[in-house]
Amino acid sequence: NNDVVAYLRTLAVPHIAITNGADPIQFYTNALAGTIPVPVVAVVDTLGAGDIFHGAFCHYILSADFTTALQKAATIASSTCTSFGTRQWLLSSIPE
């Protein structure tokens, strides 16, 4: 991960996030670096969770700062892992 971050910084990428399943999200910005915990859930199926994370992030970044958008996307993506398949989770309430 250090090599990836170093390379992206040479390209002047201002915001970098690295996900790793249930492990914390590593993030880097021009001013901050740190981790964001991923909510702990009873995992049934992880299929599509990464795609949901990216879509949720794109939604939240329109109205929130980078780290808040990452946290909210992690909450949504984690919730999708509690049911089987890529759409079953939509039948339950969507977390805030």
Protein backbone atom coordinates (compact mmCIF):
# COMPACT_ATOMS: atom_id res chain seq x y z
CA ASN A 1 0.00 0.00 0.00
CA ASN A 2 2.84 2.40 0.72
CA ASP A 3 4.07 2.14 -2.87
CA VAL A 4 0.58 2.81 -4.23
CA VAL A 5 0.12 5.85 -2.00
CA ALA A 6 3.57 7.19 -2.88
CA TYR A 7 2.87 6.77 -6.60
CA LEU A 8 -0.54 8.47 -6.39
CA ARG A 9 1.00 11.34 -4.44
CA THR A 10 3.55 11.86 -7.24
CA LEU A 11 0.53 12.37 -9.50
CA ALA A 12 -0.85 14.97 -7.04
CA VAL A 13 -3.96 12.91 -6.27
CA PRO A 14 -5.49 14.90 -3.39
CA HIS A 15 -7.60 12.15 -1.79
CA ILE A 16 -6.69 8.47 -1.55
CA ALA A 17 -8.62 5.63 0.09
CA ILE A 18 -7.66 1.98 0.32
CA THR A 19 -10.27 -0.55 1.41
CA ASN A 20 -9.49 -4.03 2.68
CA GLY A 21 -12.71 -5.89 3.38
CA ALA A 22 -13.64 -5.78 7.06
CA ASP A 23 -10.35 -4.10 8.00
CA PRO A 24 -10.26 -0.31 8.48
CA ILE A 25 -10.16 1.94 5.42
CA GLN A 26 -6.84 3.72 5.07
CA PHE A 27 -7.17 7.28 3.84
CA TYR A 28 -4.78 10.03 2.84
CA THR A 29 -5.49 13.62 1.96
CA ASN A 30 -3.26 16.63 1.56
CA ALA A 31 -3.77 17.46 5.24
CA LEU A 32 -4.67 14.16 6.95
CA ALA A 33 -3.92 10.46 7.01
CA GLY A 34 -5.63 7.85 9.09
CA THR A 35 -8.05 4.97 9.22
CA ILE A 36 -11.81 4.66 9.29
CA PRO A 37 -13.30 1.61 11.00
CA VAL A 38 -15.66 -0.58 9.03
CA PRO A 39 -18.88 -1.46 10.88
CA VAL A 40 -18.92 -5.00 12.28
CA VAL A 41 -21.85 -7.01 10.93
CA ALA A 42 -22.92 -10.64 10.74
CA VAL A 43 -21.63 -11.41 7.25
CA VAL A 44 -23.78 -13.60 5.02
CA ASP A 45 -22.44 -12.64 1.57
CA THR A 46 -19.92 -10.04 0.38
CA LEU A 47 -20.85 -10.20 -3.30
CA GLY A 48 -21.16 -6.68 -4.67
CA ALA A 49 -20.10 -4.91 -1.46
CA GLY A 50 -17.21 -3.14 -3.20
CA ASP A 51 -19.45 -1.91 -5.98
CA ILE A 52 -22.01 -0.69 -3.45
CA PHE A 53 -19.23 1.04 -1.50
CA HIS A 54 -18.09 2.93 -4.60
CA GLY A 55 -21.62 3.92 -5.58
CA ALA A 56 -22.46 5.07 -2.04
CA PHE A 57 -19.21 7.03 -1.87
CA CYS A 58 -20.04 8.80 -5.15
CA HIS A 59 -23.44 9.72 -3.71
CA TYR A 60 -22.15 10.97 -0.35
CA ILE A 61 -19.15 12.90 -1.67
CA LEU A 62 -21.59 15.30 -3.33
CA SER A 63 -22.70 16.58 0.07
CA ALA A 64 -20.05 15.53 2.60
CA ASP A 65 -16.32 15.81 3.12
CA PHE A 66 -14.01 12.99 2.02
CA THR A 67 -13.76 11.10 5.31
CA THR A 68 -17.47 11.42 6.09
CA ALA A 69 -18.33 10.10 2.63
CA LEU A 70 -15.98 7.14 3.21
CA GLN A 71 -17.58 6.37 6.59
CA LYS A 72 -21.12 6.56 5.23
CA ALA A 73 -20.20 4.41 2.24
CA ALA A 74 -18.63 1.83 4.58
CA THR A 75 -21.86 1.73 6.60
CA ILE A 76 -23.96 1.09 3.50
CA ALA A 77 -21.54 -1.48 2.06
CA SER A 78 -21.33 -3.34 5.37
CA SER A 79 -25.09 -3.53 5.61
CA THR A 80 -25.26 -5.22 2.21
CA CYS A 81 -23.16 -8.08 3.56
CA THR A 82 -25.91 -9.11 6.00
CA SER A 83 -28.09 -10.72 3.32
CA PHE A 84 -27.54 -13.06 0.41
CA GLY A 85 -27.06 -11.63 -3.07
CA THR A 86 -26.57 -8.13 -4.37
CA ARG A 87 -30.11 -6.75 -3.96
CA GLN A 88 -31.80 -8.49 -1.03
CA TRP A 89 -30.49 -5.85 1.38
CA LEU A 90 -32.61 -3.24 -0.40
CA LEU A 91 -35.72 -4.78 1.17
CA SER A 92 -34.52 -3.70 4.62
CA SER A 93 -34.03 -0.14 5.78
CA ILE A 94 -30.97 1.66 4.50
CA PRO A 95 -28.64 2.82 7.32
CA GLU A 96 -28.10 6.54 7.85
